[in-house]
Structure formats: C-alpha cells, structure tokens
C-alpha cells in the first residue's frame, strides 16, 4: 500500500518544487507546500488585520510604515501575559535565531509608542504601552470579526481538531529544528 502511494504521478501532487519530490517522501513536498502557502496567508492576514486595527485606533506607526509580520509577532509576544520580556525570551518564544531582526522590530515598536523599554542591570526589559495594549485588543476584535467564525465548521466549534492541528504543527517545528541542526553537520 505504501509503495502504491509513492508511485502516484508527481503531476497529481500539489508541491512548490517538483525537483524535491522523491520516492522516499513525496508527501513531505506536499506538506512543505502547505506550510509555505499557510505561512504566507497567515502573514498577509496579520498585516491586513493590524493595518485595520491601526486605522481604527487612529495612530501613526513610525514614518507611516506599516507593521510587518515580525513587528506584529513581537508586539503580541511582548504583550503576552502583561509581563516585561527580555530580548532573548522574545526570540526564544518566536523561535528566531537572529536577535538583530527582533531587536530592530522592538525599536520600531518603541518609536511608534507601542512598546517601552527599561534597562535593569545589563538586561533591557520590554513592555507594551497603553497604546500597544489597546492596539493588541483592536487586533483581537478584527480577528474575532473576520476569522473566528470561519473556524467553527472546521471541527464543529469544539476546538479539539484545531488543538490537534496545533500539536502537529509544534511536532513539525521540532522536526525542522532538528533537521536544521543536522544539516549544519553534513
């Protein structure tokens, strides 16, 4: 049965790069294409939802520049549980190795008045300002209005299937992290 699956013609598979499809793991190429499309759709959603929240709040982000995906992820991460965060904690939570990109996003958020920073010894702690908290809540309202109801038919509103999807995504994340470490040793 497994061999029959692997003999499915590549033309019937939905993949981003046919040259990566192999007899050993053809389905992996389909999963990776799904991840690519989902990540880009999620990023587009975050940017559009945040732009709507910013417009509703009537605020101006530094120099009129819209917040990008990493900026938005950092804002939500800093706001998480209403506790100040260190740069290293934000990077760890977001699984970002290049702390410079997160640091740049935080500086942009500070300049926009959405995040504040305070030095404690050698560490800098970041916290959301009142305006940042308000913007996060406005983003949540846009999310509720545009997205949440769309997930109701997904699993009848119980959340069980979505919970399983979340678990599978975390599993995939771990596999790709391990593969990235292995690739550096080849």
C-alpha atoms as a PDB file:
ATOM      1  CA  UNK A   1       0.000   0.000   0.000  1.00  0.00           C
ATOM      2  CA  UNK A   2       2.807   2.410   0.908  1.00  0.00           C
ATOM      3  CA  UNK A   3       4.503   1.600  -2.395  1.00  0.00           C
ATOM      4  CA  UNK A   4       1.309   2.402  -4.288  1.00  0.00           C
ATOM      5  CA  UNK A   5       1.257   5.848  -2.700  1.00  0.00           C
ATOM      6  CA  UNK A   6       4.849   6.549  -3.681  1.00  0.00           C
ATOM      7  CA  UNK A   7       4.069   5.658  -7.313  1.00  0.00           C
ATOM      8  CA  UNK A   8       1.408   8.368  -7.561  1.00  0.00           C
ATOM      9  CA  UNK A   9       2.393  10.573 -10.505  1.00  0.00           C
ATOM     10  CA  UNK A  10       4.113  13.811  -9.487  1.00  0.00           C
ATOM     11  CA  UNK A  11       1.725  15.742 -11.741  1.00  0.00           C
ATOM     12  CA  UNK A  12      -1.119  14.954  -9.325  1.00  0.00           C
ATOM     13  CA  UNK A  13       0.756  16.237  -6.302  1.00  0.00           C
ATOM     14  CA  UNK A  14       0.429  19.850  -5.203  1.00  0.00           C
ATOM     15  CA  UNK A  15       4.001  20.876  -4.475  1.00  0.00           C
ATOM     16  CA  UNK A  16       6.087  24.028  -4.799  1.00  0.00           C
ATOM     17  CA  UNK A  17       9.205  22.371  -6.216  1.00  0.00           C
ATOM     18  CA  UNK A  18       8.806  19.153  -8.192  1.00  0.00           C
ATOM     19  CA  UNK A  19      12.557  18.556  -8.122  1.00  0.00           C
ATOM     20  CA  UNK A  20      12.283  17.950  -4.342  1.00  0.00           C
ATOM     21  CA  UNK A  21       9.667  15.197  -4.702  1.00  0.00           C
ATOM     22  CA  UNK A  22      11.270  11.824  -4.047  1.00  0.00           C
ATOM     23  CA  UNK A  23      10.090   8.227  -3.950  1.00  0.00           C
ATOM     24  CA  UNK A  24      11.085   8.149  -0.300  1.00  0.00           C
ATOM     25  CA  UNK A  25       8.942  11.074   0.881  1.00  0.00           C
ATOM     26  CA  UNK A  26       6.689  12.512  -1.799  1.00  0.00           C
ATOM     27  CA  UNK A  27       4.106  13.562   0.779  1.00  0.00           C
ATOM     28  CA  UNK A  28       6.718  15.710   2.534  1.00  0.00           C
ATOM     29  CA  UNK A  29       6.819  18.005  -0.506  1.00  0.00           C
ATOM     30  CA  UNK A  30       3.041  18.376  -0.274  1.00  0.00           C
ATOM     31  CA  UNK A  31       3.263  19.216   3.433  1.00  0.00           C
ATOM     32  CA  UNK A  32       6.021  21.748   2.800  1.00  0.00           C
ATOM     33  CA  UNK A  33       3.971  23.449   0.104  1.00  0.00           C
ATOM     34  CA  UNK A  34       1.035  23.568   2.518  1.00  0.00           C
ATOM     35  CA  UNK A  35       3.289  25.183   5.123  1.00  0.00           C
ATOM     36  CA  UNK A  36       4.557  27.752   2.613  1.00  0.00           C
ATOM     37  CA  UNK A  37       1.072  28.725   1.489  1.00  0.00           C
ATOM     38  CA  UNK A  38      -0.309  28.738   5.044  1.00  0.00           C
ATOM     39  CA  UNK A  39       2.601  30.821   6.386  1.00  0.00           C
ATOM     40  CA  UNK A  40       2.229  33.407   3.634  1.00  0.00           C
ATOM     41  CA  UNK A  41      -1.560  33.544   4.056  1.00  0.00           C
ATOM     42  CA  UNK A  42      -1.125  33.912   7.817  1.00  0.00           C
ATOM     43  CA  UNK A  43       1.416  36.695   7.309  1.00  0.00           C
ATOM     44  CA  UNK A  44      -0.872  38.508   4.883  1.00  0.00           C
ATOM     45  CA  UNK A  45      -3.730  38.141   7.370  1.00  0.00           C
ATOM     46  CA  UNK A  46      -1.661  39.550  10.257  1.00  0.00           C
ATOM     47  CA  UNK A  47      -0.540  42.586   8.269  1.00  0.00           C
ATOM     48  CA  UNK A  48      -4.056  43.380   6.977  1.00  0.00           C
ATOM     49  CA  UNK A  49      -5.681  42.827  10.390  1.00  0.00           C
ATOM     50  CA  UNK A  50      -3.098  45.023  12.113  1.00  0.00           C
ATOM     51  CA  UNK A  51      -3.476  47.737   9.459  1.00  0.00           C
ATOM     52  CA  UNK A  52      -7.216  47.728  10.178  1.00  0.00           C
ATOM     53  CA  UNK A  53      -6.584  47.906  13.939  1.00  0.00           C
ATOM     54  CA  UNK A  54      -4.087  50.772  13.449  1.00  0.00           C
ATOM     55  CA  UNK A  55      -6.583  52.668  11.285  1.00  0.00           C
ATOM     56  CA  UNK A  56      -9.372  52.153  13.839  1.00  0.00           C
ATOM     57  CA  UNK A  57      -7.070  53.363  16.617  1.00  0.00           C
ATOM     58  CA  UNK A  58      -6.182  56.431  14.567  1.00  0.00           C
ATOM     59  CA  UNK A  59      -2.474  56.079  15.309  1.00  0.00           C
ATOM     60  CA  UNK A  60       0.542  56.550  13.100  1.00  0.00           C
ATOM     61  CA  UNK A  61       3.281  53.953  13.070  1.00  0.00           C
ATOM     62  CA  UNK A  62       6.836  55.283  12.719  1.00  0.00           C
ATOM     63  CA  UNK A  63       7.156  57.190   9.484  1.00  0.00           C
ATOM     64  CA  UNK A  64       3.843  55.837   8.201  1.00  0.00           C
ATOM     65  CA  UNK A  65       5.403  52.415   7.670  1.00  0.00           C
ATOM     66  CA  UNK A  66       3.003  49.546   8.210  1.00  0.00           C
ATOM     67  CA  UNK A  67       3.915  46.926  10.748  1.00  0.00           C
ATOM     68  CA  UNK A  68       5.334  43.792   9.163  1.00  0.00           C
ATOM     69  CA  UNK A  69       4.857  40.199  10.312  1.00  0.00           C
ATOM     70  CA  UNK A  70       7.815  40.180  12.718  1.00  0.00           C
ATOM     71  CA  UNK A  71       6.796  43.540  14.196  1.00  0.00           C
ATOM     72  CA  UNK A  72       3.296  42.195  14.867  1.00  0.00           C
ATOM     73  CA  UNK A  73       4.585  38.936  16.330  1.00  0.00           C
ATOM     74  CA  UNK A  74       6.922  40.904  18.606  1.00  0.00           C
ATOM     75  CA  UNK A  75       4.129  43.224  19.757  1.00  0.00           C
ATOM     76  CA  UNK A  76       1.878  40.288  20.650  1.00  0.00           C
ATOM     77  CA  UNK A  77       4.784  38.464  22.295  1.00  0.00           C
ATOM     78  CA  UNK A  78       5.718  41.466  24.437  1.00  0.00           C
ATOM     79  CA  UNK A  79       2.057  41.918  25.394  1.00  0.00           C
ATOM     80  CA  UNK A  80       1.662  38.220  26.311  1.00  0.00           C
ATOM     81  CA  UNK A  81       0.676  37.816  29.979  1.00  0.00           C
ATOM     82  CA  UNK A  82       1.321  41.543  30.617  1.00  0.00           C
ATOM     83  CA  UNK A  83       4.855  40.922  31.913  1.00  0.00           C
ATOM     84  CA  UNK A  84       8.033  42.662  30.720  1.00  0.00           C
ATOM     85  CA  UNK A  85      10.191  40.481  28.453  1.00  0.00           C
ATOM     86  CA  UNK A  86      13.882  40.260  27.626  1.00  0.00           C
ATOM     87  CA  UNK A  87      15.041  40.174  24.014  1.00  0.00           C
ATOM     88  CA  UNK A  88      16.273  36.603  24.468  1.00  0.00           C
ATOM     89  CA  UNK A  89      12.865  35.498  25.772  1.00  0.00           C
ATOM     90  CA  UNK A  90      11.065  37.051  22.803  1.00  0.00           C
ATOM     91  CA  UNK A  91      13.477  35.413  20.360  1.00  0.00           C
ATOM     92  CA  UNK A  92      13.087  32.054  22.101  1.00  0.00           C
ATOM     93  CA  UNK A  93       9.305  32.239  22.105  1.00  0.00           C
ATOM     94  CA  UNK A  94       9.177  33.157  18.413  1.00  0.00           C
ATOM     95  CA  UNK A  95      11.920  30.634  17.524  1.00  0.00           C
ATOM     96  CA  UNK A  96      14.012  33.372  15.883  1.00  0.00           C
ATOM     97  CA  UNK A  97      17.781  32.857  15.911  1.00  0.00           C
ATOM     98  CA  UNK A  98      18.703  36.285  14.536  1.00  0.00           C
ATOM     99  CA  UNK A  99      18.111  38.526  17.542  1.00  0.00           C
ATOM    100  CA  UNK A 100      19.059  41.575  15.450  1.00  0.00           C
ATOM    101  CA  UNK A 101      15.821  41.302  13.457  1.00  0.00           C
ATOM    102  CA  UNK A 102      13.766  41.102  16.660  1.00  0.00           C
ATOM    103  CA  UNK A 103      15.751  43.977  18.166  1.00  0.00           C
ATOM    104  CA  UNK A 104      15.028  46.085  15.070  1.00  0.00           C
ATOM    105  CA  UNK A 105      11.307  45.250  15.324  1.00  0.00           C
ATOM    106  CA  UNK A 106      11.323  46.251  19.001  1.00  0.00           C
ATOM    107  CA  UNK A 107      12.999  49.571  18.184  1.00  0.00           C
ATOM    108  CA  UNK A 108      10.330  50.217  15.555  1.00  0.00           C
ATOM    109  CA  UNK A 109       7.598  49.402  18.105  1.00  0.00           C
ATOM    110  CA  UNK A 110       9.225  51.719  20.672  1.00  0.00           C
ATOM    111  CA  UNK A 111       9.420  54.537  18.114  1.00  0.00           C
ATOM    112  CA  UNK A 112       5.710  54.001  17.344  1.00  0.00           C
ATOM    113  CA  UNK A 113       4.891  54.267  21.051  1.00  0.00           C
ATOM    114  CA  UNK A 114       3.554  50.708  21.251  1.00  0.00           C
ATOM    115  CA  UNK A 115       6.360  49.249  23.390  1.00  0.00           C
ATOM    116  CA  UNK A 116       8.579  50.723  26.069  1.00  0.00           C
ATOM    117  CA  UNK A 117      11.990  49.590  27.232  1.00  0.00           C
ATOM    118  CA  UNK A 118      13.640  49.806  30.613  1.00  0.00           C
ATOM    119  CA  UNK A 119      17.170  48.819  31.497  1.00  0.00           C
ATOM    120  CA  UNK A 120      17.659  46.538  34.505  1.00  0.00           C
ATOM    121  CA  UNK A 121      21.374  45.981  35.032  1.00  0.00           C
ATOM    122  CA  UNK A 122      22.712  44.577  31.775  1.00  0.00           C
ATOM    123  CA  UNK A 123      19.274  43.474  30.586  1.00  0.00           C
ATOM    124  CA  UNK A 124      16.651  45.517  28.780  1.00  0.00           C
ATOM    125  CA  UNK A 125      13.037  44.654  29.524  1.00  0.00           C
ATOM    126  CA  UNK A 126      10.286  45.403  27.030  1.00  0.00           C
ATOM    127  CA  UNK A 127       6.639  46.041  27.896  1.00  0.00           C
ATOM    128  CA  UNK A 128       3.617  47.174  25.934  1.00  0.00           C
ATOM    129  CA  UNK A 129       2.431  50.724  26.465  1.00  0.00           C
ATOM    130  CA  UNK A 130      -1.236  51.556  26.942  1.00  0.00           C
ATOM    131  CA  UNK A 131      -1.401  52.320  23.224  1.00  0.00           C
ATOM    132  CA  UNK A 132       0.225  48.952  22.455  1.00  0.00           C
ATOM    133  CA  UNK A 133      -2.253  47.111  24.675  1.00  0.00           C
ATOM    134  CA  UNK A 134      -5.136  48.957  23.004  1.00  0.00           C
ATOM    135  CA  UNK A 135      -3.805  48.029  19.562  1.00  0.00           C
ATOM    136  CA  UNK A 136      -3.493  44.346  20.551  1.00  0.00           C
ATOM    137  CA  UNK A 137      -7.122  44.401  21.730  1.00  0.00           C
ATOM    138  CA  UNK A 138      -8.229  46.073  18.490  1.00  0.00           C
ATOM    139  CA  UNK A 139      -6.355  43.379  16.524  1.00  0.00           C
ATOM    140  CA  UNK A 140      -8.199  40.780  18.589  1.00  0.00           C
ATOM    141  CA  UNK A 141     -11.538  42.423  17.717  1.00  0.00           C
ATOM    142  CA  UNK A 142     -10.663  42.340  13.994  1.00  0.00           C
ATOM    143  CA  UNK A 143      -9.671  38.676  14.412  1.00  0.00           C
ATOM    144  CA  UNK A 144     -12.982  37.906  16.126  1.00  0.00           C
ATOM    145  CA  UNK A 145     -14.961  39.711  13.414  1.00  0.00           C
ATOM    146  CA  UNK A 146     -13.150  38.253  10.394  1.00  0.00           C
ATOM    147  CA  UNK A 147     -11.639  34.917  11.300  1.00  0.00           C
ATOM    148  CA  UNK A 148     -13.020  33.113  14.331  1.00  0.00           C
ATOM    149  CA  UNK A 149     -16.417  32.205  12.867  1.00  0.00           C
ATOM    150  CA  UNK A 150     -14.658  30.729   9.830  1.00  0.00           C
ATOM    151  CA  UNK A 151     -13.144  28.061  12.064  1.00  0.00           C
ATOM    152  CA  UNK A 152     -16.482  26.936  13.526  1.00  0.00           C
ATOM    153  CA  UNK A 153     -17.260  24.458  10.708  1.00  0.00           C
ATOM    154  CA  UNK A 154     -13.680  23.171  10.913  1.00  0.00           C
ATOM    155  CA  UNK A 155     -14.477  20.966  13.878  1.00  0.00           C
ATOM    156  CA  UNK A 156     -17.964  21.903  14.935  1.00  0.00           C
ATOM    157  CA  UNK A 157     -16.684  24.597  17.258  1.00  0.00           C
ATOM    158  CA  UNK A 158     -15.283  22.158  19.833  1.00  0.00           C
ATOM    159  CA  UNK A 159     -11.678  23.170  19.232  1.00  0.00           C
ATOM    160  CA  UNK A 160     -10.500  19.562  19.510  1.00  0.00           C
ATOM    161  CA  UNK A 161      -9.421  19.221  15.883  1.00  0.00           C
ATOM    162  CA  UNK A 162      -7.756  22.630  15.907  1.00  0.00           C
ATOM    163  CA  UNK A 163      -5.915  21.582  19.055  1.00  0.00           C
ATOM    164  CA  UNK A 164      -4.641  18.533  17.178  1.00  0.00           C
ATOM    165  CA  UNK A 165      -3.551  20.726  14.243  1.00  0.00           C
ATOM    166  CA  UNK A 166      -1.638  22.924  16.715  1.00  0.00           C
ATOM    167  CA  UNK A 167       0.020  19.842  18.213  1.00  0.00           C
ATOM    168  CA  UNK A 168       1.014  18.572  14.763  1.00  0.00           C
ATOM    169  CA  UNK A 169       2.459  21.975  13.831  1.00  0.00           C
ATOM    170  CA  UNK A 170       4.569  22.001  17.006  1.00  0.00           C
ATOM    171  CA  UNK A 171       5.761  18.491  16.139  1.00  0.00           C
ATOM    172  CA  UNK A 172       6.712  19.632  12.629  1.00  0.00           C
ATOM    173  CA  UNK A 173       8.528  22.617  14.105  1.00  0.00           C
ATOM    174  CA  UNK A 174      10.609  20.314  16.275  1.00  0.00           C
ATOM    175  CA  UNK A 175      11.440  18.056  13.324  1.00  0.00           C
ATOM    176  CA  UNK A 176      12.541  21.007  11.187  1.00  0.00           C
ATOM    177  CA  UNK A 177      14.598  22.478  14.047  1.00  0.00           C
ATOM    178  CA  UNK A 178      16.380  19.142  14.485  1.00  0.00           C
ATOM    179  CA  UNK A 179      16.903  18.816  10.721  1.00  0.00           C
ATOM    180  CA  UNK A 180      18.402  22.330  10.656  1.00  0.00           C
ATOM    181  CA  UNK A 181      20.895  21.327  13.346  1.00  0.00           C
ATOM    182  CA  UNK A 182      21.711  18.122  11.453  1.00  0.00           C
ATOM    183  CA  UNK A 183      22.190  20.000   8.177  1.00  0.00           C
ATOM    184  CA  UNK A 184      24.974  22.097   9.716  1.00  0.00           C
ATOM    185  CA  UNK A 185      26.915  18.894  10.416  1.00  0.00           C
ATOM    186  CA  UNK A 186      26.749  17.383   6.901  1.00  0.00           C
END
